[in-house]
Amino acid sequence: MIALPERGAWSDYVVCRAEYCFNIPAEMNYHDAIALTTNGIIAYTLLFELGGLRPGKTVLMHSAPGGLVSIQYTF
């Protein structure tokens, strides 16, 4: 199970609300689940909260990890 606490994430034990917890799919290992969750939260925060990405705006992802292409998304 992965928990997304509001603070204290680096503690040995954390307390968070049940709606912030979800089961890791059976076919996914623990390390992939953590990486997906952590990177997903960072990407969301950078794009939508700090970057102000909204419907109708475009984002250019240049030299994204794992590829040598530029990708343009319109939301």
Protein backbone atom coordinates (compact mmCIF):
# COMPACT_ATOMS: atom_id res chain seq x y z
CA MET A 1 0.00 0.00 0.00
CA ILE A 2 1.17 3.53 -0.76
CA ALA A 3 0.20 6.51 1.37
CA LEU A 4 0.38 10.14 0.33
CA PRO A 5 0.68 12.05 3.63
CA GLU A 6 0.33 15.81 3.76
CA ARG A 7 3.55 16.10 5.78
CA GLY A 8 6.01 13.88 7.62
CA ALA A 9 6.64 11.64 4.62
CA TRP A 10 10.21 10.90 5.72
CA SER A 11 9.15 9.55 9.10
CA ASP A 12 9.32 5.91 10.11
CA TYR A 13 5.55 6.00 10.55
CA VAL A 14 3.04 8.41 9.06
CA VAL A 15 -0.63 9.11 9.59
CA CYS A 16 -2.82 10.16 6.70
CA ARG A 17 -6.45 10.08 5.66
CA ALA A 18 -7.75 6.89 4.04
CA GLU A 19 -8.56 8.64 0.73
CA TYR A 20 -4.83 9.29 0.29
CA CYS A 21 -4.02 5.56 0.37
CA PHE A 22 -4.34 3.06 -2.42
CA ASN A 23 -3.29 -0.51 -3.10
CA ILE A 24 -0.40 -1.27 -5.42
CA PRO A 25 -1.64 -3.37 -8.36
CA ALA A 26 -0.65 -7.03 -8.06
CA GLU A 27 1.38 -6.91 -11.29
CA MET A 28 3.44 -3.90 -10.13
CA ASN A 29 6.46 -4.21 -7.85
CA TYR A 30 7.05 -1.87 -4.91
CA HIS A 31 9.91 0.07 -6.52
CA ASP A 32 7.93 0.83 -9.70
CA ALA A 33 4.92 1.92 -7.64
CA ILE A 34 7.02 4.34 -5.59
CA ALA A 35 8.75 5.75 -8.68
CA LEU A 36 5.45 6.21 -10.53
CA THR A 37 3.81 7.88 -7.54
CA THR A 38 6.73 10.17 -6.72
CA ASN A 39 7.41 11.21 -10.33
CA GLY A 40 3.70 11.65 -10.99
CA ILE A 41 3.26 14.00 -8.04
CA ILE A 42 6.31 16.03 -9.04
CA ALA A 43 5.18 16.26 -12.68
CA TYR A 44 1.66 17.30 -11.68
CA THR A 45 2.96 19.95 -9.28
CA LEU A 46 5.42 21.37 -11.80
CA LEU A 47 2.98 21.42 -14.72
CA PHE A 48 -0.31 22.41 -13.13
CA GLU A 49 0.43 24.15 -9.84
CA LEU A 50 3.73 25.91 -10.53
CA GLY A 51 3.52 26.08 -14.33
CA GLY A 52 -0.12 27.12 -14.48
CA LEU A 53 -1.02 24.57 -17.16
CA ARG A 54 -4.72 24.82 -18.00
CA PRO A 55 -7.03 23.60 -20.77
CA GLY A 56 -6.10 25.24 -24.05
CA LYS A 57 -2.46 25.80 -23.06
CA THR A 58 0.45 23.92 -24.62
CA VAL A 59 3.54 22.41 -23.02
CA LEU A 60 6.71 21.43 -24.89
CA MET A 61 8.67 18.54 -23.38
CA HIS A 62 12.19 18.76 -24.75
CA SER A 63 14.72 15.98 -24.22
CA ALA A 64 12.43 14.01 -21.94
CA PRO A 65 14.17 11.09 -20.18
CA GLY A 66 14.14 7.90 -22.18
CA GLY A 67 13.94 9.48 -25.61
CA LEU A 68 15.56 11.87 -28.01
CA VAL A 69 12.38 13.54 -29.20
CA SER A 70 10.45 16.70 -28.48
CA ILE A 71 6.80 16.19 -27.63
CA GLN A 72 4.17 18.91 -27.69
CA TYR A 73 0.94 18.46 -25.73
CA THR A 74 -2.11 20.70 -25.84
CA PHE A 75 -4.46 20.46 -22.89
